[in-house]
Amino acid sequence: MARTMLEYYKMVLQKVSFDAVLFSKELKKAISKLLPYEIEDLRHWLLNFVTDKPELQESLIYIKA
């Protein structure tokens, strides 16, 4: 089954979550490539993903409206 771009970017973000700068860079790239409804889904996923990762929470500025 083909993986959607949203799922691809979620996987990438999980893999680079060890580095806040790289995480922010990949998040900006994902936002530029995804469709608006996918960005909304990514935002919900991201809010849940960074709850226990304070070093990544500053990257939320890129996704909040």
PDB file of N, CA and C in Angstrom:
ATOM      1  N   MET A   1       0.842  -1.184   0.000  1.00  0.00           N
ATOM      2  CA  MET A   1       0.000   0.000   0.000  1.00  0.00           C
ATOM      3  C   MET A   1       0.892   1.254   0.000  1.00  0.00           C
ATOM      4  N   ALA A   2       0.532   2.187  -0.802  1.00  0.00           N
ATOM      5  CA  ALA A   2       1.323   3.413  -0.911  1.00  0.00           C
ATOM      6  C   ALA A   2       1.194   4.256   0.352  1.00  0.00           C
ATOM      7  N   ARG A   3       2.309   4.835   0.740  1.00  0.00           N
ATOM      8  CA  ARG A   3       2.329   5.686   1.923  1.00  0.00           C
ATOM      9  C   ARG A   3       2.029   7.119   1.488  1.00  0.00           C
ATOM     10  N   THR A   4       1.178   7.791   2.228  1.00  0.00           N
ATOM     11  CA  THR A   4       0.860   9.178   1.895  1.00  0.00           C
ATOM     12  C   THR A   4       2.016  10.082   2.299  1.00  0.00           C
ATOM     13  N   MET A   5       2.028  11.267   1.732  1.00  0.00           N
ATOM     14  CA  MET A   5       3.071  12.229   2.092  1.00  0.00           C
ATOM     15  C   MET A   5       2.974  12.589   3.570  1.00  0.00           C
ATOM     16  N   LEU A   6       1.776  12.680   4.094  1.00  0.00           N
ATOM     17  CA  LEU A   6       1.606  12.982   5.510  1.00  0.00           C
ATOM     18  C   LEU A   6       2.281  11.919   6.368  1.00  0.00           C
ATOM     19  N   GLU A   7       2.038  10.667   6.055  1.00  0.00           N
ATOM     20  CA  GLU A   7       2.662   9.586   6.823  1.00  0.00           C
ATOM     21  C   GLU A   7       4.182   9.601   6.657  1.00  0.00           C
ATOM     22  N   TYR A   8       4.636   9.927   5.468  1.00  0.00           N
ATOM     23  CA  TYR A   8       6.073  10.029   5.224  1.00  0.00           C
ATOM     24  C   TYR A   8       6.689  11.098   6.119  1.00  0.00           C
ATOM     25  N   TYR A   9       6.081  12.278   6.163  1.00  0.00           N
ATOM     26  CA  TYR A   9       6.647  13.357   6.977  1.00  0.00           C
ATOM     27  C   TYR A   9       6.550  13.060   8.468  1.00  0.00           C
ATOM     28  N   LYS A  10       5.526  12.365   8.895  1.00  0.00           N
ATOM     29  CA  LYS A  10       5.447  11.954  10.307  1.00  0.00           C
ATOM     30  C   LYS A  10       6.623  11.040  10.642  1.00  0.00           C
ATOM     31  N   MET A  11       6.911  10.107   9.736  1.00  0.00           N
ATOM     32  CA  MET A  11       8.016   9.183   9.950  1.00  0.00           C
ATOM     33  C   MET A  11       9.345   9.947  10.000  1.00  0.00           C
ATOM     34  N   VAL A  12       9.538  10.876   9.078  1.00  0.00           N
ATOM     35  CA  VAL A  12      10.768  11.678   9.053  1.00  0.00           C
ATOM     36  C   VAL A  12      10.901  12.473  10.349  1.00  0.00           C
ATOM     37  N   LEU A  13       9.817  13.112  10.777  1.00  0.00           N
ATOM     38  CA  LEU A  13       9.867  13.916  11.998  1.00  0.00           C
ATOM     39  C   LEU A  13      10.187  13.057  13.219  1.00  0.00           C
ATOM     40  N   GLN A  14       9.650  11.863  13.273  1.00  0.00           N
ATOM     41  CA  GLN A  14       9.980  10.972  14.385  1.00  0.00           C
ATOM     42  C   GLN A  14      11.459  10.611  14.371  1.00  0.00           C
ATOM     43  N   LYS A  15      11.999  10.362  13.189  1.00  0.00           N
ATOM     44  CA  LYS A  15      13.397   9.946  13.086  1.00  0.00           C
ATOM     45  C   LYS A  15      14.376  11.068  13.411  1.00  0.00           C
ATOM     46  N   VAL A  16      13.999  12.326  13.159  1.00  0.00           N
ATOM     47  CA  VAL A  16      14.914  13.440  13.429  1.00  0.00           C
ATOM     48  C   VAL A  16      14.594  14.153  14.745  1.00  0.00           C
ATOM     49  N   SER A  17      13.719  13.594  15.537  1.00  0.00           N
ATOM     50  CA  SER A  17      13.302  14.260  16.778  1.00  0.00           C
ATOM     51  C   SER A  17      14.426  14.355  17.813  1.00  0.00           C
ATOM     52  N   PHE A  18      15.557  13.725  17.569  1.00  0.00           N
ATOM     53  CA  PHE A  18      16.700  13.836  18.485  1.00  0.00           C
ATOM     54  C   PHE A  18      17.376  15.204  18.395  1.00  0.00           C
ATOM     55  N   ASP A  19      17.103  15.951  17.302  1.00  0.00           N
ATOM     56  CA  ASP A  19      17.763  17.239  17.061  1.00  0.00           C
ATOM     57  C   ASP A  19      16.689  18.294  16.773  1.00  0.00           C
ATOM     58  N   ALA A  20      16.542  19.259  17.670  1.00  0.00           N
ATOM     59  CA  ALA A  20      15.479  20.262  17.542  1.00  0.00           C
ATOM     60  C   ALA A  20      15.628  21.123  16.291  1.00  0.00           C
ATOM     61  N   VAL A  21      16.856  21.436  15.899  1.00  0.00           N
ATOM     62  CA  VAL A  21      17.077  22.270  14.706  1.00  0.00           C
ATOM     63  C   VAL A  21      16.680  21.502  13.446  1.00  0.00           C
ATOM     64  N   LEU A  22      17.105  20.270  13.359  1.00  0.00           N
ATOM     65  CA  LEU A  22      16.752  19.433  12.216  1.00  0.00           C
ATOM     66  C   LEU A  22      15.249  19.165  12.185  1.00  0.00           C
ATOM     67  N   PHE A  23      14.657  18.968  13.347  1.00  0.00           N
ATOM     68  CA  PHE A  23      13.217  18.747  13.445  1.00  0.00           C
ATOM     69  C   PHE A  23      12.466  19.961  12.894  1.00  0.00           C
ATOM     70  N   SER A  24      12.879  21.152  13.268  1.00  0.00           N
ATOM     71  CA  SER A  24      12.232  22.376  12.776  1.00  0.00           C
ATOM     72  C   SER A  24      12.390  22.515  11.264  1.00  0.00           C
ATOM     73  N   LYS A  25      13.565  22.198  10.774  1.00  0.00           N
ATOM     74  CA  LYS A  25      13.827  22.279   9.339  1.00  0.00           C
ATOM     75  C   LYS A  25      12.903  21.326   8.572  1.00  0.00           C
ATOM     76  N   GLU A  26      12.790  20.098   9.050  1.00  0.00           N
ATOM     77  CA  GLU A  26      11.939  19.115   8.381  1.00  0.00           C
ATOM     78  C   GLU A  26      10.459  19.475   8.527  1.00  0.00           C
ATOM     79  N   LEU A  27      10.089  20.065   9.635  1.00  0.00           N
ATOM     80  CA  LEU A  27       8.703  20.495   9.817  1.00  0.00           C
ATOM     81  C   LEU A  27       8.354  21.592   8.824  1.00  0.00           C
ATOM     82  N   LYS A  28       9.249  22.557   8.641  1.00  0.00           N
ATOM     83  CA  LYS A  28       9.011  23.621   7.659  1.00  0.00           C
ATOM     84  C   LYS A  28       8.887  23.041   6.251  1.00  0.00           C
ATOM     85  N   LYS A  29       9.712  22.062   5.943  1.00  0.00           N
ATOM     86  CA  LYS A  29       9.647  21.423   4.633  1.00  0.00           C
ATOM     87  C   LYS A  29       8.301  20.707   4.461  1.00  0.00           C
ATOM     88  N   ALA A  30       7.858  20.013   5.494  1.00  0.00           N
ATOM     89  CA  ALA A  30       6.579  19.304   5.423  1.00  0.00           C
ATOM     90  C   ALA A  30       5.427  20.280   5.200  1.00  0.00           C
ATOM     91  N   ILE A  31       5.447  21.392   5.913  1.00  0.00           N
ATOM     92  CA  ILE A  31       4.379  22.388   5.783  1.00  0.00           C
ATOM     93  C   ILE A  31       4.345  22.951   4.365  1.00  0.00           C
ATOM     94  N   SER A  32       5.495  23.111   3.754  1.00  0.00           N
ATOM     95  CA  SER A  32       5.533  23.669   2.397  1.00  0.00           C
ATOM     96  C   SER A  32       5.055  22.675   1.341  1.00  0.00           C
ATOM     97  N   LYS A  33       5.100  21.389   1.645  1.00  0.00           N
ATOM     98  CA  LYS A  33       4.749  20.364   0.659  1.00  0.00           C
ATOM     99  C   LYS A  33       3.340  19.796   0.822  1.00  0.00           C
ATOM    100  N   LEU A  34       2.795  19.840   2.032  1.00  0.00           N
ATOM    101  CA  LEU A  34       1.502  19.193   2.295  1.00  0.00           C
ATOM    102  C   LEU A  34       0.325  20.076   1.907  1.00  0.00           C
ATOM    103  N   LEU A  35      -0.803  19.431   1.697  1.00  0.00           N
ATOM    104  CA  LEU A  35      -2.053  20.128   1.421  1.00  0.00           C
ATOM    105  C   LEU A  35      -2.630  20.679   2.722  1.00  0.00           C
ATOM    106  N   PRO A  36      -3.495  21.689   2.639  1.00  0.00           N
ATOM    107  CA  PRO A  36      -4.029  22.302   3.868  1.00  0.00           C
ATOM    108  C   PRO A  36      -4.676  21.319   4.847  1.00  0.00           C
ATOM    109  N   TYR A  37      -5.459  20.360   4.357  1.00  0.00           N
ATOM    110  CA  TYR A  37      -6.083  19.419   5.287  1.00  0.00           C
ATOM    111  C   TYR A  37      -5.051  18.477   5.896  1.00  0.00           C
ATOM    112  N   GLU A  38      -3.965  18.188   5.164  1.00  0.00           N
ATOM    113  CA  GLU A  38      -2.900  17.359   5.707  1.00  0.00           C
ATOM    114  C   GLU A  38      -2.115  18.127   6.773  1.00  0.00           C
ATOM    115  N   ILE A  39      -1.954  19.419   6.567  1.00  0.00           N
ATOM    116  CA  ILE A  39      -1.268  20.246   7.565  1.00  0.00           C
ATOM    117  C   ILE A  39      -2.065  20.262   8.864  1.00  0.00           C
ATOM    118  N   GLU A  40      -3.376  20.313   8.768  1.00  0.00           N
ATOM    119  CA  GLU A  40      -4.219  20.279   9.969  1.00  0.00           C
ATOM    120  C   GLU A  40      -4.050  18.944  10.701  1.00  0.00           C
ATOM    121  N   ASP A  41      -4.017  17.844   9.954  1.00  0.00           N
ATOM    122  CA  ASP A  41      -3.777  16.531  10.565  1.00  0.00           C
ATOM    123  C   ASP A  41      -2.390  16.473  11.194  1.00  0.00           C
ATOM    124  N   LEU A  42      -1.409  17.042  10.506  1.00  0.00           N
ATOM    125  CA  LEU A  42      -0.044  17.076  11.045  1.00  0.00           C
ATOM    126  C   LEU A  42       0.003  17.896  12.329  1.00  0.00           C
ATOM    127  N   ARG A  43      -0.722  18.997  12.361  1.00  0.00           N
ATOM    128  CA  ARG A  43      -0.761  19.840  13.556  1.00  0.00           C
ATOM    129  C   ARG A  43      -1.287  19.056  14.753  1.00  0.00           C
ATOM    130  N   HIS A  44      -2.361  18.292  14.566  1.00  0.00           N
ATOM    131  CA  HIS A  44      -2.914  17.487  15.667  1.00  0.00           C
ATOM    132  C   HIS A  44      -1.907  16.426  16.123  1.00  0.00           C
ATOM    133  N   TRP A  45      -1.280  15.780  15.162  1.00  0.00           N
ATOM    134  CA  TRP A  45      -0.281  14.768  15.490  1.00  0.00           C
ATOM    135  C   TRP A  45       0.890  15.405  16.240  1.00  0.00           C
ATOM    136  N   LEU A  46       1.337  16.558  15.757  1.00  0.00           N
ATOM    137  CA  LEU A  46       2.491  17.236  16.340  1.00  0.00           C
ATOM    138  C   LEU A  46       2.224  17.679  17.774  1.00  0.00           C
ATOM    139  N   LEU A  47       1.038  18.209  18.024  1.00  0.00           N
ATOM    140  CA  LEU A  47       0.697  18.622  19.390  1.00  0.00           C
ATOM    141  C   LEU A  47       0.795  17.441  20.346  1.00  0.00           C
ATOM    142  N   ASN A  48       0.379  16.285  19.907  1.00  0.00           N
ATOM    143  CA  ASN A  48       0.462  15.086  20.736  1.00  0.00           C
ATOM    144  C   ASN A  48       1.905  14.591  20.845  1.00  0.00           C
ATOM    145  N   PHE A  49       2.649  14.644  19.759  1.00  0.00           N
ATOM    146  CA  PHE A  49       4.005  14.102  19.714  1.00  0.00           C
ATOM    147  C   PHE A  49       4.976  14.880  20.607  1.00  0.00           C
ATOM    148  N   VAL A  50       4.843  16.193  20.688  1.00  0.00           N
ATOM    149  CA  VAL A  50       5.823  16.995  21.437  1.00  0.00           C
ATOM    150  C   VAL A  50       5.430  17.252  22.893  1.00  0.00           C
ATOM    151  N   THR A  51       4.327  16.696  23.362  1.00  0.00           N
ATOM    152  CA  THR A  51       3.902  16.967  24.735  1.00  0.00           C
ATOM    153  C   THR A  51       4.961  16.592  25.765  1.00  0.00           C
ATOM    154  N   ASP A  52       5.690  15.504  25.525  1.00  0.00           N
ATOM    155  CA  ASP A  52       6.713  15.075  26.481  1.00  0.00           C
ATOM    156  C   ASP A  52       8.134  15.369  25.984  1.00  0.00           C
ATOM    157  N   LYS A  53       8.243  16.261  24.998  1.00  0.00           N
ATOM    158  CA  LYS A  53       9.544  16.626  24.441  1.00  0.00           C
ATOM    159  C   LYS A  53       9.694  18.149  24.454  1.00  0.00           C
ATOM    160  N   PRO A  54      10.052  18.713  25.576  1.00  0.00           N
ATOM    161  CA  PRO A  54      10.111  20.179  25.692  1.00  0.00           C
ATOM    162  C   PRO A  54      11.086  20.827  24.704  1.00  0.00           C
ATOM    163  N   GLU A  55      12.125  20.116  24.311  1.00  0.00           N
ATOM    164  CA  GLU A  55      13.090  20.684  23.372  1.00  0.00           C
ATOM    165  C   GLU A  55      12.497  20.877  21.970  1.00  0.00           C
ATOM    166  N   LEU A  56      11.404  20.174  21.670  1.00  0.00           N
ATOM    167  CA  LEU A  56      10.765  20.287  20.357  1.00  0.00           C
ATOM    168  C   LEU A  56       9.568  21.229  20.360  1.00  0.00           C
ATOM    169  N   GLN A  57       9.130  21.642  21.518  1.00  0.00           N
ATOM    170  CA  GLN A  57       7.909  22.433  21.598  1.00  0.00           C
ATOM    171  C   GLN A  57       8.035  23.802  20.951  1.00  0.00           C
ATOM    172  N   GLU A  58       9.228  24.336  20.855  1.00  0.00           N
ATOM    173  CA  GLU A  58       9.377  25.638  20.199  1.00  0.00           C
ATOM    174  C   GLU A  58       9.101  25.533  18.703  1.00  0.00           C
ATOM    175  N   SER A  59       9.163  24.356  18.129  1.00  0.00           N
ATOM    176  CA  SER A  59       8.861  24.189  16.705  1.00  0.00           C
ATOM    177  C   SER A  59       7.370  24.343  16.409  1.00  0.00           C
ATOM    178  N   LEU A  60       6.564  24.366  17.439  1.00  0.00           N
ATOM    179  CA  LEU A  60       5.111  24.564  17.249  1.00  0.00           C
ATOM    180  C   LEU A  60       4.786  25.908  16.641  1.00  0.00           C
ATOM    181  N   ILE A  61       5.694  26.856  16.720  1.00  0.00           N
ATOM    182  CA  ILE A  61       5.427  28.180  16.146  1.00  0.00           C
ATOM    183  C   ILE A  61       5.224  28.110  14.631  1.00  0.00           C
ATOM    184  N   TYR A  62       5.777  27.095  13.992  1.00  0.00           N
ATOM    185  CA  TYR A  62       5.645  26.971  12.543  1.00  0.00           C
ATOM    186  C   TYR A  62       4.288  26.437  12.114  1.00  0.00           C
ATOM    187  N   ILE A  63       3.581  25.788  13.011  1.00  0.00           N
ATOM    188  CA  ILE A  63       2.345  25.117  12.629  1.00  0.00           C
ATOM    189  C   ILE A  63       1.101  25.771  13.204  1.00  0.00           C
ATOM    190  N   LYS A  64       1.249  26.607  14.209  1.00  0.00           N
ATOM    191  CA  LYS A  64       0.067  27.237  14.817  1.00  0.00           C
ATOM    192  C   LYS A  64      -0.405  28.395  13.974  1.00  0.00           C
ATOM    193  N   ALA A  65      -1.718  28.503  13.900  1.00  0.00           N
ATOM    194  CA  ALA A  65      -2.323  29.598  13.102  1.00  0.00           C
ATOM    195  C   ALA A  65      -2.473  30.851  13.940  1.00  0.00           C
TER     196      ALA A  65
END
